[in-house]
Amino acid sequence: MLAIQKAIRRLHTALDAPPLTRFSLNAPKNVEIEFANGSKFTLSAEYLRIHSPAADGKIRSVGGEKVIFGRRHVGIMSAEPVGNYGVRIVFDDLHKTGIYSWDYFYYLGSNKFTLMRNYIKTLKKHGLSRDPHKKK
């Protein structure tokens, strides 16, 4: 299933998204993006973190499925431009290896509700939570 999702993501990001017209970082909560076709998206820090395009060592593998959990309160510390095609987002959990292309932002914005619903279903399926573990 994960391989199919990655293939769909690669296919979608290979398609041309409309040109980006505005990128606004509202640290630590979200980013706002607008595209030339009038699409506007507000993407939360949690949503961007769990859909990071980078491999991450803090992912739990459950039955072969990679699941990022406990990131409800993650924040964005900064966004660094990468060429003309995207940004590297630095999160307060020190994750900073994902480069978000404008096409990928468009994909995430266009599919926000479906992706988040599927994420929550996956967490429930594996008995995980969006909330971080409480420290003892």
N, C-alpha and C. Protein backbone atom coordinates (compact mmCIF):
# COMPACT_ATOMS: atom_id res chain seq x y z
N MET A 1 0.83 -1.19 0.00
CA MET A 1 0.00 0.00 0.00
C MET A 1 0.87 1.26 0.00
N LEU A 2 1.93 1.26 0.81
CA LEU A 2 2.81 2.42 0.88
C LEU A 2 3.47 2.67 -0.47
N ALA A 3 3.85 1.60 -1.16
CA ALA A 3 4.48 1.75 -2.47
C ALA A 3 3.51 2.40 -3.46
N ILE A 4 2.26 2.05 -3.37
CA ILE A 4 1.24 2.65 -4.26
C ILE A 4 1.09 4.13 -3.95
N GLN A 5 1.05 4.48 -2.66
CA GLN A 5 0.92 5.89 -2.27
C GLN A 5 2.12 6.69 -2.77
N LYS A 6 3.33 6.12 -2.66
CA LYS A 6 4.52 6.82 -3.13
C LYS A 6 4.48 6.99 -4.64
N ALA A 7 4.02 5.97 -5.36
CA ALA A 7 3.94 6.06 -6.82
C ALA A 7 2.93 7.14 -7.23
N ILE A 8 1.82 7.19 -6.54
CA ILE A 8 0.81 8.22 -6.84
C ILE A 8 1.39 9.60 -6.56
N ARG A 9 2.10 9.75 -5.44
CA ARG A 9 2.71 11.04 -5.10
C ARG A 9 3.71 11.46 -6.17
N ARG A 10 4.56 10.50 -6.62
CA ARG A 10 5.54 10.82 -7.66
C ARG A 10 4.84 11.22 -8.95
N LEU A 11 3.79 10.48 -9.32
CA LEU A 11 3.05 10.79 -10.53
C LEU A 11 2.42 12.17 -10.43
N HIS A 12 1.79 12.44 -9.29
CA HIS A 12 1.13 13.73 -9.14
C HIS A 12 2.13 14.88 -9.15
N THR A 13 3.25 14.71 -8.43
CA THR A 13 4.20 15.80 -8.37
C THR A 13 4.93 15.97 -9.69
N ALA A 14 4.87 14.96 -10.55
CA ALA A 14 5.46 15.10 -11.88
C ALA A 14 4.56 15.93 -12.79
N LEU A 15 3.28 15.99 -12.45
CA LEU A 15 2.34 16.79 -13.22
C LEU A 15 2.58 18.26 -12.90
N ASP A 16 2.25 19.10 -13.83
CA ASP A 16 2.46 20.52 -13.60
C ASP A 16 1.36 21.11 -12.73
N ALA A 17 1.76 21.63 -11.59
CA ALA A 17 0.84 22.38 -10.75
C ALA A 17 0.85 23.81 -11.27
N PRO A 18 -0.19 24.58 -10.99
CA PRO A 18 -0.16 25.98 -11.40
C PRO A 18 1.02 26.69 -10.72
N PRO A 19 1.49 27.78 -11.29
CA PRO A 19 2.60 28.52 -10.67
C PRO A 19 2.20 29.04 -9.28
N LEU A 20 3.15 29.01 -8.37
CA LEU A 20 2.96 29.55 -7.03
C LEU A 20 2.95 31.07 -7.13
N THR A 21 2.00 31.70 -6.45
CA THR A 21 1.95 33.16 -6.44
C THR A 21 2.27 33.75 -5.06
N ARG A 22 2.10 32.94 -4.00
CA ARG A 22 2.39 33.44 -2.66
C ARG A 22 2.70 32.29 -1.72
N PHE A 23 3.74 32.49 -0.92
CA PHE A 23 4.10 31.56 0.15
C PHE A 23 4.28 32.39 1.41
N SER A 24 3.57 32.04 2.46
CA SER A 24 3.65 32.80 3.70
C SER A 24 3.82 31.84 4.88
N LEU A 25 4.90 32.02 5.61
CA LEU A 25 5.15 31.21 6.80
C LEU A 25 4.55 31.92 8.01
N ASN A 26 3.66 31.24 8.69
CA ASN A 26 3.06 31.74 9.92
C ASN A 26 3.56 30.88 11.07
N ALA A 27 4.87 30.98 11.34
CA ALA A 27 5.50 30.14 12.36
C ALA A 27 4.90 30.47 13.72
N PRO A 28 4.70 29.48 14.55
CA PRO A 28 5.04 28.07 14.36
C PRO A 28 3.88 27.22 13.85
N LYS A 29 2.76 27.85 13.52
CA LYS A 29 1.53 27.10 13.27
C LYS A 29 1.32 26.53 11.87
N ASN A 30 1.57 27.33 10.80
CA ASN A 30 1.21 26.87 9.46
C ASN A 30 1.92 27.65 8.36
N VAL A 31 1.67 27.21 7.14
CA VAL A 31 2.07 27.98 5.97
C VAL A 31 0.81 28.22 5.14
N GLU A 32 0.78 29.35 4.48
CA GLU A 32 -0.30 29.67 3.55
C GLU A 32 0.32 29.77 2.18
N ILE A 33 -0.32 29.13 1.21
CA ILE A 33 0.18 29.16 -0.16
C ILE A 33 -0.96 29.46 -1.11
N GLU A 34 -0.63 30.18 -2.17
CA GLU A 34 -1.60 30.50 -3.21
C GLU A 34 -0.98 30.20 -4.56
N PHE A 35 -1.84 29.78 -5.48
CA PHE A 35 -1.40 29.43 -6.82
C PHE A 35 -2.14 30.28 -7.85
N ALA A 36 -1.57 30.35 -9.04
CA ALA A 36 -2.09 31.20 -10.11
C ALA A 36 -3.52 30.86 -10.51
N ASN A 37 -3.97 29.64 -10.27
CA ASN A 37 -5.34 29.27 -10.63
C ASN A 37 -6.36 29.69 -9.56
N GLY A 38 -5.89 30.40 -8.52
CA GLY A 38 -6.79 30.87 -7.46
C GLY A 38 -6.86 29.95 -6.26
N SER A 39 -6.24 28.78 -6.32
CA SER A 39 -6.24 27.86 -5.18
C SER A 39 -5.43 28.46 -4.03
N LYS A 40 -6.02 28.39 -2.83
CA LYS A 40 -5.36 28.87 -1.62
C LYS A 40 -5.45 27.77 -0.58
N PHE A 41 -4.33 27.52 0.09
CA PHE A 41 -4.30 26.46 1.09
C PHE A 41 -3.59 26.95 2.34
N THR A 42 -4.10 26.55 3.49
CA THR A 42 -3.42 26.74 4.76
C THR A 42 -3.09 25.34 5.25
N LEU A 43 -1.80 25.07 5.40
CA LEU A 43 -1.34 23.74 5.78
C LEU A 43 -0.68 23.82 7.15
N SER A 44 -1.20 23.06 8.10
CA SER A 44 -0.70 23.11 9.47
C SER A 44 0.69 22.48 9.58
N ALA A 45 1.38 22.83 10.64
CA ALA A 45 2.71 22.26 10.89
C ALA A 45 2.60 20.74 11.05
N GLU A 46 1.61 20.27 11.78
CA GLU A 46 1.44 18.83 11.95
C GLU A 46 1.24 18.15 10.60
N TYR A 47 0.38 18.67 9.78
CA TYR A 47 0.09 18.08 8.47
C TYR A 47 1.35 18.02 7.61
N LEU A 48 2.10 19.11 7.58
CA LEU A 48 3.34 19.12 6.79
C LEU A 48 4.37 18.15 7.35
N ARG A 49 4.44 18.05 8.67
CA ARG A 49 5.42 17.16 9.29
C ARG A 49 5.12 15.70 9.00
N ILE A 50 3.85 15.32 9.10
CA ILE A 50 3.52 13.90 8.87
C ILE A 50 3.58 13.53 7.40
N HIS A 51 3.55 14.52 6.52
CA HIS A 51 3.68 14.26 5.08
C HIS A 51 5.01 14.74 4.53
N SER A 52 6.01 14.74 5.40
CA SER A 52 7.35 15.16 4.96
C SER A 52 7.82 14.27 3.82
N PRO A 53 8.39 14.89 2.78
CA PRO A 53 8.88 14.10 1.65
C PRO A 53 10.21 13.41 1.93
N ALA A 54 10.74 13.53 3.16
CA ALA A 54 12.03 12.92 3.50
C ALA A 54 11.83 11.67 4.36
N ALA A 55 12.80 10.78 4.28
CA ALA A 55 12.82 9.63 5.19
C ALA A 55 13.20 10.16 6.57
N ASP A 56 12.65 9.55 7.61
CA ASP A 56 12.89 10.05 8.95
C ASP A 56 13.10 8.89 9.91
N GLY A 57 14.06 9.02 10.77
CA GLY A 57 14.35 7.98 11.75
C GLY A 57 13.33 7.90 12.86
N LYS A 58 12.43 8.86 12.99
CA LYS A 58 11.45 8.86 14.07
C LYS A 58 10.11 8.31 13.61
N ILE A 59 10.15 7.44 12.61
CA ILE A 59 8.93 6.83 12.10
C ILE A 59 8.81 5.43 12.66
N ARG A 60 7.65 5.08 13.12
CA ARG A 60 7.41 3.73 13.61
C ARG A 60 6.93 2.87 12.45
N SER A 61 7.55 1.72 12.27
CA SER A 61 7.11 0.79 11.23
C SER A 61 6.17 -0.20 11.88
N VAL A 62 4.93 -0.22 11.42
CA VAL A 62 3.92 -1.11 11.97
C VAL A 62 3.41 -1.96 10.83
N GLY A 63 3.73 -3.25 10.87
CA GLY A 63 3.29 -4.15 9.80
C GLY A 63 3.79 -3.70 8.44
N GLY A 64 5.00 -3.16 8.39
CA GLY A 64 5.57 -2.73 7.12
C GLY A 64 5.09 -1.36 6.68
N GLU A 65 4.18 -0.77 7.44
CA GLU A 65 3.64 0.55 7.11
C GLU A 65 4.34 1.60 7.97
N LYS A 66 4.89 2.63 7.34
CA LYS A 66 5.58 3.69 8.07
C LYS A 66 4.55 4.69 8.60
N VAL A 67 4.60 4.94 9.91
CA VAL A 67 3.61 5.81 10.53
C VAL A 67 4.32 6.83 11.42
N ILE A 68 4.11 8.10 11.14
CA ILE A 68 4.61 9.17 12.01
C ILE A 68 3.46 9.51 12.95
N PHE A 69 3.74 9.54 14.24
CA PHE A 69 2.67 9.81 15.20
C PHE A 69 3.17 10.78 16.26
N GLY A 70 2.26 11.29 17.08
CA GLY A 70 2.62 12.16 18.18
C GLY A 70 3.11 13.54 17.77
N ARG A 71 2.64 14.05 16.64
CA ARG A 71 3.13 15.33 16.15
C ARG A 71 2.06 16.43 16.16
N ARG A 72 0.99 16.26 16.94
CA ARG A 72 -0.09 17.24 16.95
C ARG A 72 0.41 18.64 17.28
N HIS A 73 1.38 18.76 18.18
CA HIS A 73 1.82 20.08 18.64
C HIS A 73 3.16 20.51 18.07
N VAL A 74 3.61 19.84 17.01
CA VAL A 74 4.89 20.23 16.40
C VAL A 74 4.75 21.64 15.82
N GLY A 75 5.83 22.36 15.82
CA GLY A 75 5.82 23.71 15.26
C GLY A 75 6.85 23.87 14.16
N ILE A 76 6.68 24.90 13.38
CA ILE A 76 7.64 25.22 12.33
C ILE A 76 8.55 26.32 12.86
N MET A 77 9.85 26.08 12.78
CA MET A 77 10.82 27.09 13.24
C MET A 77 11.22 28.01 12.09
N SER A 78 11.40 27.44 10.89
CA SER A 78 11.80 28.27 9.75
C SER A 78 11.52 27.53 8.45
N ALA A 79 11.59 28.29 7.37
CA ALA A 79 11.48 27.74 6.02
C ALA A 79 12.59 28.37 5.20
N GLU A 80 13.42 27.54 4.58
CA GLU A 80 14.57 28.01 3.83
C GLU A 80 14.35 27.74 2.35
N PRO A 81 14.47 28.74 1.49
CA PRO A 81 14.27 28.51 0.05
C PRO A 81 15.28 27.51 -0.50
N VAL A 82 14.82 26.69 -1.43
CA VAL A 82 15.68 25.74 -2.14
C VAL A 82 15.47 26.00 -3.62
N GLY A 83 16.43 26.66 -4.24
CA GLY A 83 16.30 26.99 -5.66
C GLY A 83 15.04 27.77 -5.92
N ASN A 84 14.45 27.53 -7.10
CA ASN A 84 13.19 28.17 -7.48
C ASN A 84 12.01 27.24 -7.31
N TYR A 85 12.25 26.07 -6.74
CA TYR A 85 11.20 25.05 -6.77
C TYR A 85 10.60 24.68 -5.43
N GLY A 86 11.12 25.19 -4.31
CA GLY A 86 10.52 24.79 -3.05
C GLY A 86 11.23 25.35 -1.84
N VAL A 87 10.92 24.75 -0.68
CA VAL A 87 11.51 25.17 0.59
C VAL A 87 11.84 23.95 1.44
N ARG A 88 12.83 24.14 2.30
CA ARG A 88 13.13 23.16 3.35
C ARG A 88 12.52 23.72 4.62
N ILE A 89 11.68 22.93 5.25
CA ILE A 89 11.03 23.37 6.48
C ILE A 89 11.76 22.74 7.67
N VAL A 90 12.06 23.57 8.66
CA VAL A 90 12.70 23.12 9.89
C VAL A 90 11.64 23.12 10.98
N PHE A 91 11.40 21.94 11.55
CA PHE A 91 10.38 21.78 12.60
C PHE A 91 11.03 21.80 13.98
N ASP A 92 10.24 22.08 15.00
CA ASP A 92 10.81 22.16 16.34
C ASP A 92 11.12 20.80 16.96
N ASP A 93 10.78 19.71 16.27
CA ASP A 93 11.25 18.38 16.70
C ASP A 93 12.59 18.05 16.03
N LEU A 94 13.18 19.06 15.40
CA LEU A 94 14.49 19.03 14.74
C LEU A 94 14.50 18.27 13.41
N HIS A 95 13.33 17.95 12.88
CA HIS A 95 13.25 17.36 11.55
C HIS A 95 13.47 18.49 10.54
N LYS A 96 14.42 18.29 9.62
CA LYS A 96 14.71 19.35 8.66
C LYS A 96 15.20 18.84 7.32
N THR A 97 15.00 17.57 7.03
CA THR A 97 15.57 17.01 5.81
C THR A 97 14.59 16.98 4.63
N GLY A 98 13.35 17.35 4.85
CA GLY A 98 12.39 17.32 3.75
C GLY A 98 12.39 18.60 2.93
N ILE A 99 12.43 18.46 1.62
CA ILE A 99 12.30 19.61 0.73
C ILE A 99 10.93 19.53 0.07
N TYR A 100 10.13 20.53 0.33
CA TYR A 100 8.76 20.59 -0.18
C TYR A 100 8.77 21.40 -1.47
N SER A 101 8.50 20.75 -2.58
CA SER A 101 8.42 21.47 -3.86
C SER A 101 7.06 22.16 -3.94
N TRP A 102 6.96 23.16 -4.82
CA TRP A 102 5.67 23.85 -5.00
C TRP A 102 4.62 22.86 -5.50
N ASP A 103 5.02 21.94 -6.39
CA ASP A 103 4.08 20.92 -6.87
C ASP A 103 3.59 20.05 -5.72
N TYR A 104 4.49 19.69 -4.80
CA TYR A 104 4.10 18.86 -3.66
C TYR A 104 3.16 19.63 -2.72
N PHE A 105 3.42 20.92 -2.51
CA PHE A 105 2.49 21.74 -1.72
C PHE A 105 1.10 21.73 -2.37
N TYR A 106 1.06 21.83 -3.69
CA TYR A 106 -0.23 21.83 -4.39
C TYR A 106 -0.94 20.49 -4.17
N TYR A 107 -0.19 19.41 -4.28
CA TYR A 107 -0.75 18.07 -4.03
C TYR A 107 -1.30 17.98 -2.61
N LEU A 108 -0.50 18.42 -1.63
CA LEU A 108 -0.94 18.36 -0.23
C LEU A 108 -2.18 19.22 0.00
N GLY A 109 -2.21 20.41 -0.58
CA GLY A 109 -3.36 21.29 -0.41
C GLY A 109 -4.61 20.74 -1.08
N SER A 110 -4.45 20.23 -2.28
CA SER A 110 -5.58 19.71 -3.05
C SER A 110 -6.18 18.45 -2.43
N ASN A 111 -5.39 17.72 -1.67
CA ASN A 111 -5.83 16.43 -1.12
C ASN A 111 -5.84 16.42 0.41
N LYS A 112 -5.88 17.60 1.00
CA LYS A 112 -5.72 17.75 2.44
C LYS A 112 -6.71 16.91 3.26
N PHE A 113 -7.96 16.98 2.95
CA PHE A 113 -8.95 16.29 3.78
C PHE A 113 -8.85 14.78 3.64
N THR A 114 -8.65 14.29 2.45
CA THR A 114 -8.50 12.85 2.24
C THR A 114 -7.24 12.32 2.92
N LEU A 115 -6.14 13.03 2.73
CA LEU A 115 -4.88 12.59 3.34
C LEU A 115 -4.95 12.59 4.86
N MET A 116 -5.56 13.61 5.44
CA MET A 116 -5.66 13.68 6.90
C MET A 116 -6.61 12.60 7.42
N ARG A 117 -7.71 12.38 6.73
CA ARG A 117 -8.65 11.33 7.15
C ARG A 117 -7.96 9.97 7.11
N ASN A 118 -7.20 9.70 6.06
CA ASN A 118 -6.49 8.43 5.95
C ASN A 118 -5.43 8.29 7.03
N TYR A 119 -4.76 9.38 7.35
CA TYR A 119 -3.75 9.38 8.40
C TYR A 119 -4.39 9.02 9.75
N ILE A 120 -5.50 9.64 10.07
CA ILE A 120 -6.17 9.37 11.34
C ILE A 120 -6.65 7.92 11.39
N LYS A 121 -7.16 7.39 10.29
CA LYS A 121 -7.57 5.99 10.23
C LYS A 121 -6.38 5.06 10.47
N THR A 122 -5.24 5.40 9.90
CA THR A 122 -4.03 4.58 10.07
C THR A 122 -3.59 4.60 11.53
N LEU A 123 -3.62 5.77 12.16
CA LEU A 123 -3.26 5.85 13.58
C LEU A 123 -4.18 4.98 14.42
N LYS A 124 -5.48 5.08 14.18
CA LYS A 124 -6.45 4.29 14.94
C LYS A 124 -6.21 2.80 14.73
N LYS A 125 -5.95 2.42 13.49
CA LYS A 125 -5.72 1.01 13.15
C LYS A 125 -4.55 0.42 13.96
N HIS A 126 -3.54 1.25 14.23
CA HIS A 126 -2.35 0.77 14.93
C HIS A 126 -2.31 1.19 16.40
N GLY A 127 -3.41 1.79 16.90
CA GLY A 127 -3.48 2.17 18.30
C GLY A 127 -2.53 3.31 18.66
N LEU A 128 -2.27 4.19 17.70
CA LEU A 128 -1.38 5.33 17.92
C LEU A 128 -2.19 6.61 18.03
N SER A 129 -1.51 7.69 18.42
CA SER A 129 -2.20 8.96 18.65
C SER A 129 -1.46 10.10 17.96
N ARG A 130 -2.21 11.14 17.66
CA ARG A 130 -1.61 12.38 17.14
C ARG A 130 -0.87 13.11 18.26
N ASP A 131 -1.25 12.86 19.52
CA ASP A 131 -0.63 13.52 20.65
C ASP A 131 0.71 12.87 20.99
N PRO A 132 1.67 13.68 21.46
CA PRO A 132 2.96 13.12 21.85
C PRO A 132 2.84 12.28 23.11
N HIS A 133 3.79 11.35 23.30
CA HIS A 133 3.82 10.56 24.52
C HIS A 133 4.05 11.47 25.70
N LYS A 134 3.40 11.16 26.80
CA LYS A 134 3.62 11.93 28.02
C LYS A 134 4.90 11.41 28.67
N LYS A 135 5.76 12.35 29.07
CA LYS A 135 7.03 11.97 29.72
C LYS A 135 6.76 11.63 31.17
N LYS A 136 7.43 10.58 31.62
CA LYS A 136 7.24 10.12 33.01
C LYS A 136 8.16 10.82 33.95
